[in-house]
C-alpha atoms as a PDB file:
ATOM      1  CA  MET A   1     141.827  73.449 157.151  1.00  0.00           C
ATOM      2  CA  ILE A   2     138.675  71.334 156.664  1.00  0.00           C
ATOM      3  CA  HIS A   3     135.755  72.395 154.596  1.00  0.00           C
ATOM      4  CA  HIS A   4     132.773  70.136 153.757  1.00  0.00           C
ATOM      5  CA  GLU A   5     134.483  67.121 155.351  1.00  0.00           C
ATOM      6  CA  ARG A   6     137.707  67.362 153.328  1.00  0.00           C
ATOM      7  CA  ALA A   7     141.165  68.866 154.023  1.00  0.00           C
ATOM      8  CA  VAL A   8     141.951  71.723 151.721  1.00  0.00           C
ATOM      9  CA  GLY A   9     145.268  72.778 153.279  1.00  0.00           C
ATOM     10  CA  ALA A  10     147.113  73.369 156.559  1.00  0.00           C
ATOM     11  CA  LEU A  11     147.622  76.519 158.684  1.00  0.00           C
ATOM     12  CA  ILE A  12     150.935  76.074 160.428  1.00  0.00           C
ATOM     13  CA  VAL A  13     152.133  78.230 163.344  1.00  0.00           C
ATOM     14  CA  ALA A  14     155.247  77.526 165.393  1.00  0.00           C
ATOM     15  CA  PHE A  15     157.262  78.864 168.253  1.00  0.00           C
ATOM     16  CA  GLY A  16     161.101  78.820 168.266  1.00  0.00           C
ATOM     17  CA  SER A  17     161.614  79.083 172.075  1.00  0.00           C
ATOM     18  CA  ARG A  18     158.208  78.686 173.711  1.00  0.00           C
ATOM     19  CA  GLY A  19     156.603  75.495 174.784  1.00  0.00           C
ATOM     20  CA  ASP A  20     152.862  74.457 174.521  1.00  0.00           C
ATOM     21  CA  PHE A  21     150.049  76.295 172.935  1.00  0.00           C
ATOM     22  CA  THR A  22     147.316  77.546 175.148  1.00  0.00           C
ATOM     23  CA  ALA A  23     143.716  76.401 174.647  1.00  0.00           C
ATOM     24  CA  GLU A  24     142.789  79.935 173.433  1.00  0.00           C
ATOM     25  CA  GLU A  25     145.634  79.856 170.885  1.00  0.00           C
ATOM     26  CA  LYS A  26     144.518  76.405 169.643  1.00  0.00           C
ATOM     27  CA  ASN A  27     140.907  77.624 169.317  1.00  0.00           C
ATOM     28  CA  LEU A  28     141.999  80.809 167.443  1.00  0.00           C
ATOM     29  CA  ALA A  29     144.184  78.798 165.095  1.00  0.00           C
ATOM     30  CA  GLY A  30     141.209  76.493 164.370  1.00  0.00           C
ATOM     31  CA  LEU A  31     138.926  79.406 163.700  1.00  0.00           C
ATOM     32  CA  LEU A  32     141.496  81.040 161.451  1.00  0.00           C
ATOM     33  CA  ALA A  33     141.946  77.681 159.520  1.00  0.00           C
ATOM     34  CA  ASP A  34     138.124  77.473 159.111  1.00  0.00           C
ATOM     35  CA  GLN A  35     138.098  81.102 157.739  1.00  0.00           C
ATOM     36  CA  ALA A  36     140.930  80.144 155.375  1.00  0.00           C
ATOM     37  CA  ALA A  37     139.063  77.112 154.091  1.00  0.00           C
ATOM     38  CA  ILE A  38     135.917  79.153 153.344  1.00  0.00           C
ATOM     39  CA  ALA A  39     138.066  81.829 151.555  1.00  0.00           C
ATOM     40  CA  ILE A  40     139.878  79.187 149.524  1.00  0.00           C
ATOM     41  CA  GLU A  41     136.586  77.543 148.503  1.00  0.00           C
ATOM     42  CA  ASN A  42     135.071  80.985 147.562  1.00  0.00           C
ATOM     43  CA  ALA A  43     138.170  81.804 145.404  1.00  0.00           C
ATOM     44  CA  GLN A  44     137.930  78.388 143.731  1.00  0.00           C
ATOM     45  CA  LEU A  45     134.212  78.935 142.985  1.00  0.00           C
ATOM     46  CA  TYR A  46     134.892  82.419 141.585  1.00  0.00           C
ATOM     47  CA  GLU A  47     137.746  81.037 139.495  1.00  0.00           C
ATOM     48  CA  GLU A  48     135.477  78.238 138.202  1.00  0.00           C
ATOM     49  CA  ALA A  49     132.638  80.735 137.409  1.00  0.00           C
ATOM     50  CA  GLY A  50     135.149  82.798 135.418  1.00  0.00           C
ATOM     51  CA  ARG A  51     136.437  79.744 133.645  1.00  0.00           C
ATOM     52  CA  ARG A  52     132.895  78.732 132.616  1.00  0.00           C
ATOM     53  CA  GLN A  53     132.077  82.231 131.511  1.00  0.00           C
ATOM     54  CA  ARG A  54     135.181  82.323 129.265  1.00  0.00           C
ATOM     55  CA  GLU A  55     134.214  78.832 127.812  1.00  0.00           C
ATOM     56  CA  SER A  56     130.645  80.107 127.167  1.00  0.00           C
ATOM     57  CA  GLU A  57     131.960  83.151 125.422  1.00  0.00           C
ATOM     58  CA  LEU A  58     134.391  81.110 123.417  1.00  0.00           C
ATOM     59  CA  LEU A  59     131.648  78.679 122.408  1.00  0.00           C
ATOM     60  CA  ALA A  60     129.415  81.583 121.421  1.00  0.00           C
ATOM     61  CA  ASP A  61     132.222  82.987 119.255  1.00  0.00           C
ATOM     62  CA  VAL A  62     132.668  79.562 117.525  1.00  0.00           C
ATOM     63  CA  VAL A  63     128.883  79.385 116.904  1.00  0.00           C
ATOM     64  CA  ARG A  64     128.960  82.879 115.551  1.00  0.00           C
ATOM     65  CA  THR A  65     131.839  81.898 113.139  1.00  0.00           C
ATOM     66  CA  VAL A  66     130.033  78.729 112.046  1.00  0.00           C
ATOM     67  CA  ASN A  67     126.780  80.709 111.444  1.00  0.00           C
ATOM     68  CA  THR A  68     128.441  83.552 109.524  1.00  0.00           C
ATOM     69  CA  SER A  69     131.025  81.802 107.414  1.00  0.00           C
ATOM     70  CA  LEU A  70     130.270  79.711 104.393  1.00  0.00           C
ATOM     71  CA  GLU A  71     133.981  78.813 103.894  1.00  0.00           C
ATOM     72  CA  LEU A  72     134.567  75.257 105.432  1.00  0.00           C
ATOM     73  CA  ALA A  73     138.188  75.901 106.118  1.00  0.00           C
ATOM     74  CA  THR A  74     137.404  78.972 108.236  1.00  0.00           C
ATOM     75  CA  VAL A  75     134.771  77.094 110.239  1.00  0.00           C
ATOM     76  CA  LEU A  76     136.959  74.133 110.809  1.00  0.00           C
ATOM     77  CA  GLN A  77     139.889  76.265 111.920  1.00  0.00           C
ATOM     78  CA  ARG A  78     137.743  78.145 114.432  1.00  0.00           C
ATOM     79  CA  ILE A  79     136.286  74.931 115.767  1.00  0.00           C
ATOM     80  CA  ALA A  80     139.735  73.304 116.137  1.00  0.00           C
ATOM     81  CA  GLU A  81     141.128  76.475 117.811  1.00  0.00           C
ATOM     82  CA  GLY A  82     138.064  76.614 120.056  1.00  0.00           C
ATOM     83  CA  ALA A  83     138.446  72.982 121.078  1.00  0.00           C
ATOM     84  CA  ARG A  84     142.119  73.706 121.945  1.00  0.00           C
ATOM     85  CA  GLU A  85     141.120  76.719 124.040  1.00  0.00           C
ATOM     86  CA  VAL A  86     138.199  75.144 125.817  1.00  0.00           C
ATOM     87  CA  CYS A  87     140.005  71.991 126.640  1.00  0.00           C
ATOM     88  CA  ARG A  88     143.253  73.780 127.322  1.00  0.00           C
ATOM     89  CA  THR A  89     145.198  71.378 125.260  1.00  0.00           C
ATOM     90  CA  ASP A  90     148.449  71.821 123.377  1.00  0.00           C
ATOM     91  CA  MET A  91     147.018  70.887 119.974  1.00  0.00           C
ATOM     92  CA  ALA A  92     143.710  69.954 118.330  1.00  0.00           C
ATOM     93  CA  PHE A  93     142.938  68.219 114.991  1.00  0.00           C
ATOM     94  CA  ILE A  94     140.067  67.780 112.657  1.00  0.00           C
ATOM     95  CA  ALA A  95     140.188  64.915 110.152  1.00  0.00           C
ATOM     96  CA  LEU A  96     137.379  64.469 107.640  1.00  0.00           C
ATOM     97  CA  ARG A  97     136.370  61.401 105.571  1.00  0.00           C
ATOM     98  CA  ASP A  98     136.606  61.139 101.773  1.00  0.00           C
ATOM     99  CA  VAL A  99     133.643  58.895 100.707  1.00  0.00           C
ATOM    100  CA  ALA A 100     135.409  57.714  97.556  1.00  0.00           C
ATOM    101  CA  THR A 101     138.354  56.193  99.567  1.00  0.00           C
ATOM    102  CA  ASP A 102     136.816  55.943 103.018  1.00  0.00           C
ATOM    103  CA  ILE A 103     140.112  57.539 104.206  1.00  0.00           C
ATOM    104  CA  PHE A 104     140.292  60.463 106.567  1.00  0.00           C
ATOM    105  CA  ALA A 105     142.615  63.397 105.913  1.00  0.00           C
ATOM    106  CA  PHE A 106     143.670  66.099 108.407  1.00  0.00           C
ATOM    107  CA  ARG A 107     142.110  69.448 107.628  1.00  0.00           C
ATOM    108  CA  GLN A 108     143.146  71.442 110.653  1.00  0.00           C
ATOM    109  CA  TRP A 109     145.926  70.979 113.248  1.00  0.00           C
ATOM    110  CA  PRO A 110     146.588  74.205 115.347  1.00  0.00           C
ATOM    111  CA  GLY A 111     149.318  73.729 117.819  1.00  0.00           C
ATOM    112  CA  ALA A 112     150.806  70.680 116.145  1.00  0.00           C
ATOM    113  CA  ARG A 113     154.630  70.278 115.626  1.00  0.00           C
ATOM    114  CA  TYR A 114     154.540  67.498 113.017  1.00  0.00           C
ATOM    115  CA  ALA A 115     155.085  69.119 109.651  1.00  0.00           C
ATOM    116  CA  ASP A 116     153.404  66.542 107.352  1.00  0.00           C
ATOM    117  CA  TYR A 117     149.772  66.328 108.523  1.00  0.00           C
ATOM    118  CA  ARG A 118     148.710  67.520 105.019  1.00  0.00           C
ATOM    119  CA  SER A 119     149.771  64.059 103.704  1.00  0.00           C
ATOM    120  CA  PHE A 120     149.018  61.939 106.807  1.00  0.00           C
ATOM    121  CA  LEU A 121     145.964  59.779 106.102  1.00  0.00           C
ATOM    122  CA  ILE A 122     143.901  57.593 108.406  1.00  0.00           C
ATOM    123  CA  ALA A 123     141.915  54.501 107.561  1.00  0.00           C
ATOM    124  CA  PRO A 124     139.015  53.398 109.689  1.00  0.00           C
ATOM    125  CA  GLY A 125     140.410  51.211 112.484  1.00  0.00           C
ATOM    126  CA  GLN A 126     144.013  52.480 112.234  1.00  0.00           C
ATOM    127  CA  GLY A 127     145.332  54.389 115.287  1.00  0.00           C
ATOM    128  CA  ALA A 128     143.221  56.086 117.934  1.00  0.00           C
ATOM    129  CA  SER A 129     141.435  58.308 115.493  1.00  0.00           C
ATOM    130  CA  GLY A 130     140.775  55.392 113.181  1.00  0.00           C
ATOM    131  CA  LEU A 131     139.146  53.560 116.165  1.00  0.00           C
ATOM    132  CA  VAL A 132     136.709  56.559 116.563  1.00  0.00           C
ATOM    133  CA  LEU A 133     136.113  56.747 112.799  1.00  0.00           C
ATOM    134  CA  ALA A 134     135.334  52.974 112.582  1.00  0.00           C
ATOM    135  CA  THR A 135     133.140  52.813 115.687  1.00  0.00           C
ATOM    136  CA  GLY A 136     131.638  56.316 115.800  1.00  0.00           C
ATOM    137  CA  ARG A 137     132.420  56.364 119.551  1.00  0.00           C
ATOM    138  CA  PRO A 138     134.715  58.573 121.496  1.00  0.00           C
ATOM    139  CA  PHE A 139     138.073  57.316 122.573  1.00  0.00           C
ATOM    140  CA  ARG A 140     140.686  58.520 125.105  1.00  0.00           C
ATOM    141  CA  THR A 141     143.894  57.269 126.566  1.00  0.00           C
ATOM    142  CA  ASP A 142     146.185  58.883 129.180  1.00  0.00           C
ATOM    143  CA  ARG A 143     149.266  56.967 127.937  1.00  0.00           C
ATOM    144  CA  TYR A 144     149.195  57.185 124.123  1.00  0.00           C
ATOM    145  CA  LEU A 145     152.889  56.116 123.654  1.00  0.00           C
ATOM    146  CA  GLU A 146     152.388  52.979 125.788  1.00  0.00           C
ATOM    147  CA  ASP A 147     149.103  51.897 124.130  1.00  0.00           C
ATOM    148  CA  THR A 148     149.698  48.840 121.996  1.00  0.00           C
ATOM    149  CA  ARG A 149     146.695  49.389 119.792  1.00  0.00           C
ATOM    150  CA  PHE A 150     148.493  51.852 117.533  1.00  0.00           C
ATOM    151  CA  GLY A 151     151.036  51.162 114.743  1.00  0.00           C
ATOM    152  CA  PRO A 152     154.531  52.505 114.545  1.00  0.00           C
ATOM    153  CA  GLU A 153     153.532  55.270 112.064  1.00  0.00           C
ATOM    154  CA  PHE A 154     151.098  56.743 114.616  1.00  0.00           C
ATOM    155  CA  LEU A 155     153.668  56.371 117.501  1.00  0.00           C
ATOM    156  CA  ALA A 156     156.332  58.122 115.473  1.00  0.00           C
ATOM    157  CA  VAL A 157     154.140  61.097 114.993  1.00  0.00           C
ATOM    158  CA  ALA A 158     153.082  61.027 118.645  1.00  0.00           C
ATOM    159  CA  ARG A 159     156.775  61.173 119.594  1.00  0.00           C
ATOM    160  CA  VAL A 160     157.316  64.264 117.399  1.00  0.00           C
ATOM    161  CA  GLU A 161     154.287  65.793 119.146  1.00  0.00           C
ATOM    162  CA  ASP A 162     155.394  64.601 122.639  1.00  0.00           C
ATOM    163  CA  LEU A 163     151.865  63.301 122.864  1.00  0.00           C
ATOM    164  CA  HIS A 164     150.773  61.567 126.071  1.00  0.00           C
ATOM    165  CA  ALA A 165     147.068  62.097 126.774  1.00  0.00           C
ATOM    166  CA  TYR A 166     144.767  61.819 123.796  1.00  0.00           C
ATOM    167  CA  MET A 167     141.000  62.150 123.256  1.00  0.00           C
ATOM    168  CA  ALA A 168     139.028  61.919 120.018  1.00  0.00           C
ATOM    169  CA  VAL A 169     135.285  62.338 119.373  1.00  0.00           C
ATOM    170  CA  PRO A 170     133.549  61.672 116.078  1.00  0.00           C
ATOM    171  CA  ILE A 171     131.950  64.450 113.989  1.00  0.00           C
ATOM    172  CA  LYS A 172     128.504  63.012 113.168  1.00  0.00           C
ATOM    173  CA  ILE A 173     125.559  64.081 111.040  1.00  0.00           C
ATOM    174  CA  GLU A 174     122.518  61.983 111.631  1.00  0.00           C
ATOM    175  CA  ASP A 175     124.448  59.216 113.531  1.00  0.00           C
ATOM    176  CA  ARG A 176     127.130  58.791 110.851  1.00  0.00           C
ATOM    177  CA  VAL A 177     130.626  60.096 110.533  1.00  0.00           C
ATOM    178  CA  GLU A 178     130.185  62.440 107.679  1.00  0.00           C
ATOM    179  CA  ASP A 179     131.741  62.774 104.225  1.00  0.00           C
ATOM    180  CA  PHE A 180     133.202  66.070 103.365  1.00  0.00           C
ATOM    181  CA  SER A 181     134.941  65.106 100.178  1.00  0.00           C
ATOM    182  CA  ARG A 182     132.658  67.241  97.944  1.00  0.00           C
ATOM    183  CA  LEU A 183     133.453  70.446  99.897  1.00  0.00           C
ATOM    184  CA  PRO A 184     136.415  72.765  99.109  1.00  0.00           C
ATOM    185  CA  THR A 185     139.560  71.575 100.797  1.00  0.00           C
ATOM    186  CA  GLY A 186     141.173  74.809 102.105  1.00  0.00           C
ATOM    187  CA  THR A 187     143.511  72.570 104.217  1.00  0.00           C
ATOM    188  CA  THR A 188     145.553  74.590 106.628  1.00  0.00           C
ATOM    189  CA  GLY A 189     147.366  73.766 109.918  1.00  0.00           C
ATOM    190  CA  SER A 190     148.141  76.708 112.240  1.00  0.00           C
END
């Protein structure tokens, strides 16, 4: 089955006791394969459109929460949960900087297994999140446990989480990773 110059599958027909296929049978099988390719692509497009609609609805719900709630913990929780849903990940985290210490503390961690995020702190430059916090640039790795840039304390937590792929993006206000130490803590991990 070829559609737009790429194979998307195979239609297989076989005989147990008969020999060669006739030219008409070969032609019909080719036409059926072409129709199957079109149907598969249409189904994929329909599924993609549905996924995008669900993502748009989810993002609209997150924006609604952000716009209606004045409680930071509620807003951060909804953003973390929304990121987890939109990216279809096992877990999501939000860590915020304390300007007095320049250390980042976890404020939300839905889906996480590690029990002590409340006291786990990150200094700029430490671990993957620390790289993001120090540089203000996104970071990702598909092999976190094999990445040599992280210290043993981060790898120990990653093993508890069974973490493999990892992506972090900075939360910025006016081109700087923002300080939220003056806001109420309301730390929770779901």
